Protein backbone atom coordinates (compact mmCIF):
# COMPACT_ATOMS: atom_id res chain seq x y z
CA MET A 1 -10.16 18.98 35.98
CA GLN A 2 -13.87 18.41 36.82
CA TRP A 3 -13.30 14.72 36.87
CA ILE A 4 -10.50 14.97 39.31
CA PHE A 5 -12.74 16.91 41.72
CA GLN A 6 -15.71 14.46 41.30
CA GLU A 7 -13.33 11.48 41.79
CA PHE A 8 -10.88 12.70 44.70
CA ARG A 9 -12.95 15.76 45.93
CA ILE A 10 -9.78 18.06 45.46
CA SER A 11 -9.72 21.25 43.52
CA ILE A 12 -6.52 21.36 41.16
CA GLY A 13 -5.63 23.66 38.37
CA GLU A 14 -4.88 22.40 34.72
CA THR A 15 -1.24 23.92 34.99
CA THR A 16 -0.62 21.85 38.13
CA VAL A 17 -1.87 18.62 36.64
CA GLY A 18 0.14 19.13 33.72
CA ARG A 19 3.33 19.88 35.67
CA GLU A 20 2.61 16.59 37.86
CA LEU A 21 2.15 14.48 34.80
CA LYS A 22 5.34 15.59 33.36
CA ALA A 23 7.28 14.85 36.57
CA PHE A 24 5.93 11.34 36.15
CA GLY A 25 7.41 11.14 32.64
CA PHE A 26 4.08 11.54 30.74
CA ALA A 27 4.11 13.89 27.53
CA LYS A 28 1.39 15.78 26.02
CA LEU A 29 0.36 14.33 22.52
CA SER A 30 -1.61 16.30 19.91
CA ALA A 31 -2.71 15.80 16.39
CA ARG A 32 -0.68 17.66 13.81
CA PRO A 33 -3.18 20.18 12.29
CA GLY A 34 -3.40 20.41 8.31
CA HIS A 35 -2.94 23.62 6.64
CA ASN A 36 -6.16 25.47 6.53
CA ALA A 37 -5.77 26.54 2.81
CA GLN A 38 -4.73 23.15 1.62
CA ASN A 39 -6.66 21.74 -1.36
CA ASP A 40 -6.34 17.88 -1.79
CA ILE A 41 -7.47 18.15 -5.46
CA GLU A 42 -5.00 20.65 -6.42
CA ALA A 43 -2.00 18.94 -4.51
CA ALA A 44 -2.85 15.70 -6.26
CA ALA A 45 -2.87 17.71 -9.65
CA SER A 46 0.39 19.26 -9.04
CA LYS A 47 2.04 15.98 -8.25
CA LYS A 48 0.70 14.43 -11.63
CA ASP A 49 2.01 17.49 -13.51
CA PHE A 50 5.61 17.34 -12.09
CA PRO A 51 7.28 14.77 -14.21
CA ALA A 52 7.02 16.99 -17.52
CA PRO A 53 8.60 20.16 -16.05
CA LEU A 54 11.33 17.93 -14.47
CA ALA A 55 12.03 16.14 -17.84
CA GLU A 56 12.57 19.60 -19.53
CA ILE A 57 14.86 20.79 -16.81
CA ARG A 58 16.74 17.33 -17.04
CA ALA A 59 17.22 17.71 -20.82
CA LYS A 60 19.17 20.99 -20.37
CA LEU A 61 21.62 19.56 -17.71
CA PRO A 62 24.63 17.45 -18.44
CA GLN A 63 24.00 13.72 -18.32
CA GLY A 64 24.39 12.20 -15.03
CA THR A 65 23.71 15.66 -13.06
CA ASP A 66 21.65 14.77 -9.86
CA ILE A 67 18.54 17.02 -9.27
CA ASP A 68 17.57 17.64 -5.45
CA CYS A 69 13.78 18.08 -5.39
CA GLY A 70 13.79 18.22 -1.59
CA GLY A 71 12.34 14.71 -0.72
CA PRO A 72 13.70 11.22 -0.60
CA THR A 73 15.49 10.09 -3.74
CA LYS A 74 14.52 6.91 -5.58
CA ARG A 75 17.03 5.46 -7.80
CA GLY A 76 16.05 2.67 -10.05
């Protein structure tokens, strides 16, 4: 709030500024944080190893059974 004081010579709190900006229709944007324990190398390796176990599971199911892996489905 230093710049507001320097520009307009008024002292105002951060909460007040946020409340007034919200009243004008502005929204606070922030970056989505990454998981602190995420390992990109292991995540990539896990994705590469996924088709083999999936094929084993699919072989045990009746033909035509859909499998939901929790992500968007691709049919080809």
